[in-house]
Amino acid sequence: MAGEWLVVGLGNPGDRYAATRHNIGQMVVDALAQRMAARFRRHPRASAVTAEGRLAPGQPKLILAKSTGFMNVSGGPVSQLVKYHSIPIERVIVVHDELDIPFDTLKLKRGGGHGGHNGLRDISAAIGADYIRVRVGIGRPPGRQDVADFVLRPFGSTERDALPVLIEDAADAVELTVTDGLVAAQQKFHAPAS
């Protein structure tokens, strides 16, 4: 697993969106940056902020990234980062919110469709779809609540209690993918809780 990895946390910029369900991907890369004691800085050639480092000595270098634009135009910044750092698509991990997975659940996969997620749609159009996705479950909106309204709202009080563990689990899933491979991470995080 030698070589650099690009880990992109999806979300929207600004304090207004920071604590919303749609920004869980950025929360996960913030947790990874803390583990590496790395600080985000404006990237010289991409519309993004990045933090670089290793999770432990001897492990591959990670380039953590958050777009400085809105989620539905994530493809441009991700494409700029891939080109600038010469990262093959096999070593691109995108962490994002997933409506089709219950809250507090993780799933990982390589490739596939966008499932109506505009951030994934834009990234796939820009670099192809064969990147790794760490899908962080946020569940479906209750009743007839509009999906866009639901994802742009902060987590509820019960969810906020579980959120720190979910974020750390997602960060662990990224780390295991980088060190041991996607299948190992899937086996750990897809297994039913004992």
N, C-alpha and C. Protein backbone atom coordinates (compact mmCIF):
# COMPACT_ATOMS: atom_id res chain seq x y z
N MET A 1 0.83 -1.19 0.00
CA MET A 1 0.00 0.00 0.00
C MET A 1 0.88 1.25 0.00
N ALA A 2 1.96 1.23 -0.74
CA ALA A 2 2.86 2.39 -0.80
C ALA A 2 2.22 3.48 -1.64
N GLY A 3 2.72 4.69 -1.50
CA GLY A 3 2.23 5.81 -2.28
C GLY A 3 1.24 6.66 -1.51
N GLU A 4 1.02 7.87 -2.01
CA GLU A 4 0.11 8.81 -1.36
C GLU A 4 -1.34 8.44 -1.63
N TRP A 5 -2.19 8.80 -0.68
CA TRP A 5 -3.63 8.64 -0.81
C TRP A 5 -4.29 10.00 -0.68
N LEU A 6 -5.34 10.22 -1.45
CA LEU A 6 -6.16 11.42 -1.33
C LEU A 6 -7.46 11.03 -0.64
N VAL A 7 -7.74 11.67 0.48
CA VAL A 7 -8.97 11.40 1.25
C VAL A 7 -9.79 12.69 1.26
N VAL A 8 -10.93 12.66 0.60
CA VAL A 8 -11.77 13.84 0.44
C VAL A 8 -12.99 13.71 1.34
N GLY A 9 -13.22 14.71 2.17
CA GLY A 9 -14.43 14.76 2.99
C GLY A 9 -15.42 15.71 2.36
N LEU A 10 -16.58 15.20 1.97
CA LEU A 10 -17.56 16.06 1.31
C LEU A 10 -18.35 16.89 2.32
N GLY A 11 -18.74 18.07 1.86
CA GLY A 11 -19.52 18.98 2.69
C GLY A 11 -19.66 20.32 1.99
N ASN A 12 -20.29 21.23 2.69
CA ASN A 12 -20.46 22.60 2.21
C ASN A 12 -19.65 23.55 3.08
N PRO A 13 -19.21 24.67 2.52
CA PRO A 13 -18.36 25.59 3.29
C PRO A 13 -19.16 26.47 4.24
N GLY A 14 -18.49 26.93 5.29
CA GLY A 14 -19.06 27.93 6.18
C GLY A 14 -19.70 27.36 7.43
N ASP A 15 -19.80 28.21 8.44
CA ASP A 15 -20.35 27.82 9.74
C ASP A 15 -21.80 27.36 9.65
N ARG A 16 -22.54 27.92 8.70
CA ARG A 16 -23.97 27.58 8.56
C ARG A 16 -24.17 26.08 8.33
N TYR A 17 -23.23 25.44 7.64
CA TYR A 17 -23.37 24.03 7.28
C TYR A 17 -22.50 23.08 8.10
N ALA A 18 -21.62 23.63 8.92
CA ALA A 18 -20.57 22.82 9.56
C ALA A 18 -21.11 21.63 10.34
N ALA A 19 -22.24 21.79 11.03
CA ALA A 19 -22.74 20.72 11.89
C ALA A 19 -23.89 19.93 11.26
N THR A 20 -24.09 20.09 9.94
CA THR A 20 -25.22 19.42 9.29
C THR A 20 -24.86 18.00 8.86
N ARG A 21 -25.91 17.22 8.60
CA ARG A 21 -25.72 15.83 8.16
C ARG A 21 -24.90 15.75 6.87
N HIS A 22 -25.11 16.71 5.99
CA HIS A 22 -24.42 16.70 4.68
C HIS A 22 -22.92 16.88 4.84
N ASN A 23 -22.46 17.37 6.00
CA ASN A 23 -21.04 17.66 6.21
C ASN A 23 -20.31 16.58 7.00
N ILE A 24 -20.92 15.42 7.17
CA ILE A 24 -20.26 14.37 7.95
C ILE A 24 -18.91 13.98 7.35
N GLY A 25 -18.79 14.01 6.03
CA GLY A 25 -17.51 13.68 5.39
C GLY A 25 -16.39 14.60 5.84
N GLN A 26 -16.70 15.90 5.95
CA GLN A 26 -15.69 16.85 6.42
C GLN A 26 -15.37 16.63 7.89
N MET A 27 -16.37 16.23 8.68
CA MET A 27 -16.11 15.94 10.09
C MET A 27 -15.13 14.78 10.23
N VAL A 28 -15.24 13.79 9.34
CA VAL A 28 -14.35 12.62 9.40
C VAL A 28 -12.92 13.02 9.03
N VAL A 29 -12.74 13.82 7.99
CA VAL A 29 -11.36 14.22 7.65
C VAL A 29 -10.78 15.15 8.70
N ASP A 30 -11.63 15.92 9.38
CA ASP A 30 -11.14 16.72 10.52
C ASP A 30 -10.59 15.80 11.62
N ALA A 31 -11.30 14.69 11.87
CA ALA A 31 -10.83 13.72 12.88
C ALA A 31 -9.51 13.09 12.46
N LEU A 32 -9.37 12.78 11.18
CA LEU A 32 -8.10 12.21 10.68
C LEU A 32 -6.97 13.23 10.81
N ALA A 33 -7.26 14.49 10.52
CA ALA A 33 -6.24 15.54 10.66
C ALA A 33 -5.78 15.65 12.11
N GLN A 34 -6.72 15.53 13.05
CA GLN A 34 -6.36 15.56 14.47
C GLN A 34 -5.43 14.40 14.80
N ARG A 35 -5.74 13.21 14.28
CA ARG A 35 -4.90 12.04 14.55
C ARG A 35 -3.48 12.26 14.04
N MET A 36 -3.34 12.97 12.93
CA MET A 36 -2.02 13.20 12.33
C MET A 36 -1.38 14.48 12.85
N ALA A 37 -2.09 15.22 13.71
CA ALA A 37 -1.64 16.53 14.19
C ALA A 37 -1.28 17.42 13.00
N ALA A 38 -2.14 17.39 11.97
CA ALA A 38 -1.93 18.17 10.75
C ALA A 38 -2.96 19.28 10.67
N ARG A 39 -2.55 20.41 10.09
CA ARG A 39 -3.44 21.56 9.97
C ARG A 39 -3.83 21.76 8.51
N PHE A 40 -5.07 22.16 8.31
CA PHE A 40 -5.54 22.45 6.95
C PHE A 40 -5.04 23.82 6.51
N ARG A 41 -4.59 23.83 5.24
CA ARG A 41 -4.13 25.08 4.62
C ARG A 41 -4.70 25.16 3.21
N ARG A 42 -4.86 26.37 2.74
CA ARG A 42 -5.35 26.56 1.37
C ARG A 42 -4.37 25.91 0.39
N HIS A 43 -4.90 25.12 -0.53
CA HIS A 43 -4.05 24.43 -1.51
C HIS A 43 -3.62 25.42 -2.59
N PRO A 44 -2.37 25.33 -3.07
CA PRO A 44 -1.89 26.32 -4.05
C PRO A 44 -2.52 26.18 -5.44
N ARG A 45 -3.04 24.99 -5.78
CA ARG A 45 -3.53 24.77 -7.14
C ARG A 45 -4.94 24.18 -7.22
N ALA A 46 -5.64 24.12 -6.09
CA ALA A 46 -6.99 23.54 -6.10
C ALA A 46 -7.89 24.38 -5.20
N SER A 47 -9.16 24.36 -5.52
CA SER A 47 -10.16 25.08 -4.72
C SER A 47 -10.50 24.23 -3.50
N ALA A 48 -9.52 24.09 -2.62
CA ALA A 48 -9.66 23.20 -1.47
C ALA A 48 -8.66 23.60 -0.40
N VAL A 49 -8.93 23.13 0.81
CA VAL A 49 -7.93 23.17 1.87
C VAL A 49 -7.47 21.73 2.08
N THR A 50 -6.18 21.57 2.35
CA THR A 50 -5.62 20.23 2.52
C THR A 50 -4.74 20.18 3.77
N ALA A 51 -4.63 18.98 4.31
CA ALA A 51 -3.71 18.69 5.42
C ALA A 51 -2.99 17.40 5.05
N GLU A 52 -1.68 17.36 5.28
CA GLU A 52 -0.90 16.19 4.87
C GLU A 52 -0.16 15.59 6.05
N GLY A 53 0.01 14.28 6.01
CA GLY A 53 0.77 13.62 7.06
C GLY A 53 0.58 12.11 7.00
N ARG A 54 1.10 11.46 8.03
CA ARG A 54 0.97 10.01 8.18
C ARG A 54 0.30 9.72 9.50
N LEU A 55 -0.51 8.66 9.52
CA LEU A 55 -1.19 8.29 10.76
C LEU A 55 -0.25 7.62 11.74
N ALA A 56 0.82 7.03 11.22
CA ALA A 56 1.86 6.41 12.06
C ALA A 56 3.13 6.30 11.22
N PRO A 57 4.30 6.20 11.87
CA PRO A 57 5.54 6.05 11.11
C PRO A 57 5.46 4.82 10.21
N GLY A 58 5.93 4.98 8.99
CA GLY A 58 5.94 3.88 8.03
C GLY A 58 4.66 3.70 7.26
N GLN A 59 3.61 4.40 7.65
CA GLN A 59 2.35 4.30 6.91
C GLN A 59 2.36 5.26 5.73
N PRO A 60 1.51 5.01 4.73
CA PRO A 60 1.47 5.89 3.57
C PRO A 60 1.07 7.32 3.95
N LYS A 61 1.50 8.25 3.14
CA LYS A 61 1.14 9.65 3.33
C LYS A 61 -0.31 9.86 2.89
N LEU A 62 -1.06 10.61 3.71
CA LEU A 62 -2.43 10.98 3.37
C LEU A 62 -2.50 12.46 3.05
N ILE A 63 -3.23 12.78 2.00
CA ILE A 63 -3.58 14.16 1.70
C ILE A 63 -5.07 14.27 1.98
N LEU A 64 -5.41 14.93 3.06
CA LEU A 64 -6.81 15.12 3.44
C LEU A 64 -7.30 16.40 2.78
N ALA A 65 -8.52 16.37 2.25
CA ALA A 65 -8.99 17.53 1.50
C ALA A 65 -10.45 17.84 1.78
N LYS A 66 -10.74 19.15 1.81
CA LYS A 66 -12.10 19.65 1.89
C LYS A 66 -12.21 20.75 0.84
N SER A 67 -13.18 20.63 -0.04
CA SER A 67 -13.42 21.66 -1.05
C SER A 67 -13.81 22.96 -0.36
N THR A 68 -13.42 24.08 -0.95
CA THR A 68 -13.84 25.38 -0.43
C THR A 68 -15.13 25.86 -1.11
N GLY A 69 -15.64 25.04 -2.06
CA GLY A 69 -16.90 25.35 -2.73
C GLY A 69 -18.01 24.46 -2.22
N PHE A 70 -19.15 24.54 -2.85
CA PHE A 70 -20.29 23.74 -2.42
C PHE A 70 -20.19 22.30 -2.93
N MET A 71 -20.89 21.42 -2.24
CA MET A 71 -20.75 19.99 -2.49
C MET A 71 -21.08 19.62 -3.93
N ASN A 72 -22.10 20.23 -4.51
CA ASN A 72 -22.51 19.81 -5.85
C ASN A 72 -21.51 20.18 -6.94
N VAL A 73 -20.44 20.91 -6.58
CA VAL A 73 -19.36 21.19 -7.54
C VAL A 73 -18.02 20.69 -6.97
N SER A 74 -18.05 19.51 -6.35
CA SER A 74 -16.84 18.91 -5.76
C SER A 74 -15.89 18.34 -6.80
N GLY A 75 -16.40 18.05 -7.99
CA GLY A 75 -15.57 17.38 -9.01
C GLY A 75 -14.35 18.17 -9.42
N GLY A 76 -14.51 19.47 -9.62
CA GLY A 76 -13.37 20.30 -10.04
C GLY A 76 -12.24 20.27 -9.03
N PRO A 77 -12.50 20.57 -7.75
CA PRO A 77 -11.43 20.51 -6.76
C PRO A 77 -10.78 19.13 -6.64
N VAL A 78 -11.59 18.06 -6.68
CA VAL A 78 -11.02 16.71 -6.57
C VAL A 78 -10.14 16.42 -7.78
N SER A 79 -10.60 16.78 -8.96
CA SER A 79 -9.80 16.58 -10.18
C SER A 79 -8.49 17.37 -10.12
N GLN A 80 -8.55 18.60 -9.62
CA GLN A 80 -7.33 19.42 -9.49
C GLN A 80 -6.33 18.75 -8.55
N LEU A 81 -6.82 18.21 -7.44
CA LEU A 81 -5.94 17.55 -6.46
C LEU A 81 -5.34 16.27 -7.02
N VAL A 82 -6.15 15.49 -7.71
CA VAL A 82 -5.67 14.23 -8.31
C VAL A 82 -4.54 14.53 -9.30
N LYS A 83 -4.73 15.55 -10.12
CA LYS A 83 -3.71 15.90 -11.12
C LYS A 83 -2.47 16.48 -10.47
N TYR A 84 -2.65 17.40 -9.55
CA TYR A 84 -1.51 18.06 -8.92
C TYR A 84 -0.62 17.07 -8.18
N HIS A 85 -1.23 16.14 -7.46
CA HIS A 85 -0.47 15.18 -6.65
C HIS A 85 -0.22 13.86 -7.36
N SER A 86 -0.69 13.73 -8.60
CA SER A 86 -0.52 12.48 -9.39
C SER A 86 -1.02 11.26 -8.61
N ILE A 87 -2.24 11.36 -8.10
CA ILE A 87 -2.84 10.26 -7.33
C ILE A 87 -3.66 9.40 -8.27
N PRO A 88 -3.39 8.10 -8.35
CA PRO A 88 -4.24 7.23 -9.16
C PRO A 88 -5.62 7.09 -8.52
N ILE A 89 -6.64 6.91 -9.33
CA ILE A 89 -8.01 6.84 -8.82
C ILE A 89 -8.19 5.73 -7.80
N GLU A 90 -7.37 4.68 -7.87
CA GLU A 90 -7.46 3.57 -6.91
C GLU A 90 -7.09 4.02 -5.49
N ARG A 91 -6.40 5.16 -5.37
CA ARG A 91 -6.00 5.66 -4.05
C ARG A 91 -6.72 6.96 -3.70
N VAL A 92 -7.93 7.11 -4.24
CA VAL A 92 -8.80 8.22 -3.88
C VAL A 92 -9.94 7.66 -3.03
N ILE A 93 -10.11 8.23 -1.84
CA ILE A 93 -11.20 7.84 -0.94
C ILE A 93 -12.08 9.07 -0.72
N VAL A 94 -13.37 8.91 -0.96
CA VAL A 94 -14.33 9.99 -0.73
C VAL A 94 -15.22 9.58 0.43
N VAL A 95 -15.28 10.42 1.45
CA VAL A 95 -16.11 10.16 2.64
C VAL A 95 -17.34 11.06 2.52
N HIS A 96 -18.53 10.43 2.59
CA HIS A 96 -19.74 11.21 2.37
C HIS A 96 -20.93 10.67 3.15
N ASP A 97 -21.94 11.52 3.28
CA ASP A 97 -23.21 11.13 3.90
C ASP A 97 -23.98 10.21 2.95
N GLU A 98 -24.73 9.28 3.53
CA GLU A 98 -25.49 8.32 2.72
C GLU A 98 -26.89 8.14 3.30
N LEU A 99 -27.90 8.59 2.55
CA LEU A 99 -29.30 8.50 2.97
C LEU A 99 -29.79 7.05 3.03
N ASP A 100 -29.27 6.20 2.16
CA ASP A 100 -29.78 4.84 2.03
C ASP A 100 -29.20 3.87 3.05
N ILE A 101 -28.45 4.39 4.01
CA ILE A 101 -27.88 3.56 5.08
C ILE A 101 -28.37 4.15 6.40
N PRO A 102 -28.81 3.30 7.34
CA PRO A 102 -29.29 3.84 8.62
C PRO A 102 -28.21 4.65 9.34
N PHE A 103 -28.66 5.63 10.10
CA PHE A 103 -27.71 6.42 10.90
C PHE A 103 -26.87 5.49 11.78
N ASP A 104 -25.62 5.86 11.96
CA ASP A 104 -24.70 5.12 12.82
C ASP A 104 -24.20 3.83 12.18
N THR A 105 -24.25 3.76 10.84
CA THR A 105 -23.81 2.59 10.09
C THR A 105 -22.84 3.04 9.01
N LEU A 106 -21.82 2.22 8.74
CA LEU A 106 -20.85 2.51 7.69
C LEU A 106 -20.88 1.42 6.63
N LYS A 107 -20.68 1.81 5.40
CA LYS A 107 -20.47 0.86 4.30
C LYS A 107 -19.35 1.42 3.44
N LEU A 108 -18.55 0.52 2.88
CA LEU A 108 -17.46 0.93 1.99
C LEU A 108 -17.60 0.20 0.67
N LYS A 109 -17.26 0.88 -0.40
CA LYS A 109 -17.26 0.22 -1.71
C LYS A 109 -16.35 0.99 -2.66
N ARG A 110 -15.99 0.31 -3.74
CA ARG A 110 -15.26 0.96 -4.83
C ARG A 110 -16.22 1.09 -6.01
N GLY A 111 -16.25 2.27 -6.59
CA GLY A 111 -17.05 2.48 -7.79
C GLY A 111 -18.54 2.46 -7.52
N GLY A 112 -19.30 2.45 -8.60
CA GLY A 112 -20.75 2.43 -8.50
C GLY A 112 -21.35 3.76 -8.91
N GLY A 113 -22.66 3.83 -8.77
CA GLY A 113 -23.38 5.04 -9.15
C GLY A 113 -23.31 6.10 -8.06
N HIS A 114 -24.06 7.17 -8.30
CA HIS A 114 -24.06 8.27 -7.33
C HIS A 114 -25.29 8.26 -6.44
N GLY A 115 -26.30 7.46 -6.79
CA GLY A 115 -27.50 7.35 -5.94
C GLY A 115 -28.19 8.67 -5.68
N GLY A 116 -28.09 9.61 -6.61
CA GLY A 116 -28.71 10.91 -6.42
C GLY A 116 -27.90 11.89 -5.61
N HIS A 117 -26.70 11.48 -5.18
CA HIS A 117 -25.83 12.36 -4.38
C HIS A 117 -25.07 13.27 -5.35
N ASN A 118 -25.37 14.56 -5.31
CA ASN A 118 -24.80 15.48 -6.30
C ASN A 118 -23.30 15.65 -6.17
N GLY A 119 -22.75 15.52 -4.96
CA GLY A 119 -21.30 15.58 -4.80
C GLY A 119 -20.62 14.42 -5.51
N LEU A 120 -21.15 13.21 -5.33
CA LEU A 120 -20.58 12.03 -6.01
C LEU A 120 -20.77 12.14 -7.51
N ARG A 121 -21.93 12.61 -7.94
CA ARG A 121 -22.21 12.76 -9.36
C ARG A 121 -21.14 13.65 -10.01
N ASP A 122 -20.81 14.77 -9.35
CA ASP A 122 -19.86 15.71 -9.92
C ASP A 122 -18.43 15.15 -9.92
N ILE A 123 -18.07 14.43 -8.85
CA ILE A 123 -16.74 13.82 -8.79
C ILE A 123 -16.59 12.75 -9.86
N SER A 124 -17.61 11.90 -9.99
CA SER A 124 -17.54 10.82 -10.99
C SER A 124 -17.45 11.39 -12.40
N ALA A 125 -18.15 12.50 -12.66
CA ALA A 125 -18.07 13.13 -13.98
C ALA A 125 -16.67 13.68 -14.24
N ALA A 126 -15.99 14.10 -13.16
CA ALA A 126 -14.67 14.73 -13.31
C ALA A 126 -13.52 13.73 -13.39
N ILE A 127 -13.57 12.65 -12.59
CA ILE A 127 -12.41 11.74 -12.53
C ILE A 127 -12.76 10.28 -12.84
N GLY A 128 -14.04 9.99 -13.11
CA GLY A 128 -14.47 8.60 -13.25
C GLY A 128 -15.03 8.12 -11.92
N ALA A 129 -15.67 6.95 -11.94
CA ALA A 129 -16.40 6.49 -10.75
C ALA A 129 -15.65 5.45 -9.93
N ASP A 130 -14.43 5.08 -10.30
CA ASP A 130 -13.76 3.93 -9.69
C ASP A 130 -12.97 4.28 -8.43
N TYR A 131 -13.41 5.27 -7.68
CA TYR A 131 -12.76 5.63 -6.42
C TYR A 131 -13.46 4.89 -5.28
N ILE A 132 -12.83 4.90 -4.11
CA ILE A 132 -13.39 4.24 -2.93
C ILE A 132 -14.32 5.22 -2.22
N ARG A 133 -15.46 4.70 -1.77
CA ARG A 133 -16.40 5.54 -1.02
C ARG A 133 -16.54 4.98 0.40
N VAL A 134 -16.40 5.85 1.38
CA VAL A 134 -16.74 5.52 2.76
C VAL A 134 -18.09 6.21 2.98
N ARG A 135 -19.13 5.38 3.02
CA ARG A 135 -20.51 5.86 3.06
C ARG A 135 -20.98 5.87 4.51
N VAL A 136 -21.19 7.06 5.04
CA VAL A 136 -21.56 7.23 6.44
C VAL A 136 -23.08 7.42 6.51
N GLY A 137 -23.76 6.45 7.12
CA GLY A 137 -25.21 6.45 7.13
C GLY A 137 -25.79 7.60 7.94
N ILE A 138 -26.73 8.32 7.32
CA ILE A 138 -27.48 9.36 8.03
C ILE A 138 -28.97 9.02 8.06
N GLY A 139 -29.38 7.96 7.38
CA GLY A 139 -30.78 7.56 7.36
C GLY A 139 -31.63 8.47 6.49
N ARG A 140 -32.88 8.09 6.37
CA ARG A 140 -33.84 8.85 5.56
C ARG A 140 -34.59 9.86 6.43
N PRO A 141 -35.08 10.94 5.82
CA PRO A 141 -35.84 11.92 6.60
C PRO A 141 -37.14 11.30 7.13
N PRO A 142 -37.59 11.76 8.30
CA PRO A 142 -38.83 11.24 8.85
C PRO A 142 -40.04 11.77 8.07
N GLY A 143 -41.07 10.96 8.01
CA GLY A 143 -42.32 11.40 7.38
C GLY A 143 -42.12 11.88 5.96
N ARG A 144 -42.66 13.06 5.70
CA ARG A 144 -42.57 13.61 4.34
C ARG A 144 -41.58 14.77 4.25
N GLN A 145 -40.66 14.82 5.20
CA GLN A 145 -39.69 15.92 5.19
C GLN A 145 -38.86 15.85 3.90
N ASP A 146 -38.64 17.01 3.31
CA ASP A 146 -37.86 17.12 2.09
C ASP A 146 -36.42 16.66 2.33
N VAL A 147 -35.88 15.88 1.40
CA VAL A 147 -34.53 15.33 1.55
C VAL A 147 -33.50 16.46 1.67
N ALA A 148 -33.59 17.48 0.81
CA ALA A 148 -32.62 18.58 0.84
C ALA A 148 -32.67 19.30 2.20
N ASP A 149 -33.86 19.48 2.72
CA ASP A 149 -34.01 20.12 4.03
C ASP A 149 -33.39 19.25 5.12
N PHE A 150 -33.61 17.95 5.02
CA PHE A 150 -33.10 17.00 6.02
C PHE A 150 -31.57 16.99 6.07
N VAL A 151 -30.92 16.89 4.92
CA VAL A 151 -29.45 16.77 4.92
C VAL A 151 -28.77 18.08 5.31
N LEU A 152 -29.46 19.20 5.16
CA LEU A 152 -28.86 20.50 5.49
C LEU A 152 -29.22 20.95 6.91
N ARG A 153 -29.81 20.06 7.69
CA ARG A 153 -30.11 20.36 9.10
C ARG A 153 -29.07 19.70 10.00
N PRO A 154 -28.84 20.28 11.18
CA PRO A 154 -27.94 19.63 12.14
C PRO A 154 -28.52 18.29 12.61
N PHE A 155 -27.66 17.44 13.12
CA PHE A 155 -28.09 16.17 13.69
C PHE A 155 -28.99 16.43 14.89
N GLY A 156 -29.95 15.52 15.12
CA GLY A 156 -30.81 15.62 16.28
C GLY A 156 -30.05 15.29 17.56
N SER A 157 -30.68 15.54 18.70
CA SER A 157 -29.98 15.38 19.99
C SER A 157 -29.55 13.94 20.23
N THR A 158 -30.39 12.97 19.89
CA THR A 158 -30.02 11.56 20.07
C THR A 158 -28.86 11.21 19.15
N GLU A 159 -28.93 11.69 17.91
CA GLU A 159 -27.84 11.44 16.96
C GLU A 159 -26.54 12.08 17.43
N ARG A 160 -26.63 13.28 17.98
CA ARG A 160 -25.41 13.97 18.44
C ARG A 160 -24.68 13.18 19.51
N ASP A 161 -25.43 12.44 20.32
CA ASP A 161 -24.79 11.60 21.35
C ASP A 161 -23.93 10.51 20.72
N ALA A 162 -24.40 9.94 19.61
CA ALA A 162 -23.69 8.85 18.94
C ALA A 162 -22.67 9.34 17.92
N LEU A 163 -22.76 10.60 17.54
CA LEU A 163 -21.95 11.13 16.44
C LEU A 163 -20.44 11.00 16.64
N PRO A 164 -19.88 11.31 17.82
CA PRO A 164 -18.42 11.19 17.97
C PRO A 164 -17.90 9.79 17.67
N VAL A 165 -18.63 8.76 18.10
CA VAL A 165 -18.19 7.38 17.85
C VAL A 165 -18.30 7.06 16.36
N LEU A 166 -19.38 7.52 15.71
CA LEU A 166 -19.56 7.28 14.27
C LEU A 166 -18.42 7.93 13.48
N ILE A 167 -18.06 9.15 13.85
CA ILE A 167 -16.97 9.86 13.16
C ILE A 167 -15.65 9.10 13.34
N GLU A 168 -15.36 8.65 14.56
CA GLU A 168 -14.12 7.90 14.80
C GLU A 168 -14.13 6.56 14.07
N ASP A 169 -15.29 5.90 14.01
CA ASP A 169 -15.39 4.64 13.26
C ASP A 169 -15.10 4.88 11.78
N ALA A 170 -15.66 5.95 11.22
CA ALA A 170 -15.42 6.26 9.80
C ALA A 170 -13.95 6.58 9.56
N ALA A 171 -13.32 7.30 10.50
CA ALA A 171 -11.88 7.58 10.38
C ALA A 171 -11.09 6.27 10.46
N ASP A 172 -11.50 5.36 11.36
CA ASP A 172 -10.86 4.04 11.44
C ASP A 172 -11.00 3.28 10.11
N ALA A 173 -12.18 3.39 9.49
CA ALA A 173 -12.42 2.70 8.21
C ALA A 173 -11.49 3.23 7.12
N VAL A 174 -11.27 4.54 7.10
CA VAL A 174 -10.32 5.12 6.14
C VAL A 174 -8.92 4.57 6.42
N GLU A 175 -8.54 4.62 7.67
CA GLU A 175 -7.19 4.17 8.05
C GLU A 175 -6.97 2.70 7.69
N LEU A 176 -7.94 1.84 7.97
CA LEU A 176 -7.81 0.42 7.67
C LEU A 176 -7.77 0.17 6.16
N THR A 177 -8.54 0.95 5.41
CA THR A 177 -8.51 0.83 3.95
C THR A 177 -7.11 1.12 3.41
N VAL A 178 -6.50 2.17 3.95
CA VAL A 178 -5.15 2.56 3.50
C VAL A 178 -4.10 1.53 3.90
N THR A 179 -4.19 1.02 5.13
CA THR A 179 -3.14 0.13 5.63
C THR A 179 -3.33 -1.33 5.23
N ASP A 180 -4.59 -1.80 5.22
CA ASP A 180 -4.84 -3.23 5.00
C ASP A 180 -5.67 -3.53 3.76
N GLY A 181 -6.21 -2.51 3.12
CA GLY A 181 -6.99 -2.72 1.91
C GLY A 181 -8.49 -2.63 2.14
N LEU A 182 -9.21 -2.42 1.04
CA LEU A 182 -10.66 -2.22 1.09
C LEU A 182 -11.38 -3.45 1.64
N VAL A 183 -10.98 -4.64 1.23
CA VAL A 183 -11.68 -5.85 1.67
C VAL A 183 -11.59 -6.01 3.19
N ALA A 184 -10.42 -5.75 3.75
CA ALA A 184 -10.25 -5.85 5.21
C ALA A 184 -11.17 -4.85 5.92
N ALA A 185 -11.26 -3.64 5.38
CA ALA A 185 -12.12 -2.63 5.99
C ALA A 185 -13.59 -3.03 5.86
N GLN A 186 -13.97 -3.56 4.70
CA GLN A 186 -15.35 -4.01 4.53
C GLN A 186 -15.68 -5.14 5.51
N GLN A 187 -14.76 -6.08 5.68
CA GLN A 187 -15.02 -7.20 6.58
C GLN A 187 -15.21 -6.72 8.01
N LYS A 188 -14.46 -5.70 8.40
CA LYS A 188 -14.59 -5.20 9.76
C LYS A 188 -15.87 -4.38 9.95
N PHE A 189 -16.14 -3.48 9.03
CA PHE A 189 -17.23 -2.52 9.25
C PHE A 189 -18.57 -2.96 8.70
N HIS A 190 -18.60 -3.99 7.84
CA HIS A 190 -19.87 -4.50 7.34
C HIS A 190 -20.40 -5.61 8.21
N ALA A 191 -19.57 -6.14 9.10
CA ALA A 191 -19.99 -7.26 9.94
C ALA A 191 -21.04 -6.77 10.94
N PRO A 192 -22.05 -7.60 11.21
CA PRO A 192 -23.04 -7.18 12.21
C PRO A 192 -22.40 -7.04 13.59
N ALA A 193 -22.89 -6.10 14.35
CA ALA A 193 -22.34 -5.88 15.70
C ALA A 193 -22.62 -7.12 16.55
N SER A 194 -21.65 -7.50 17.37
CA SER A 194 -21.83 -8.69 18.19
C SER A 194 -22.44 -8.34 19.53
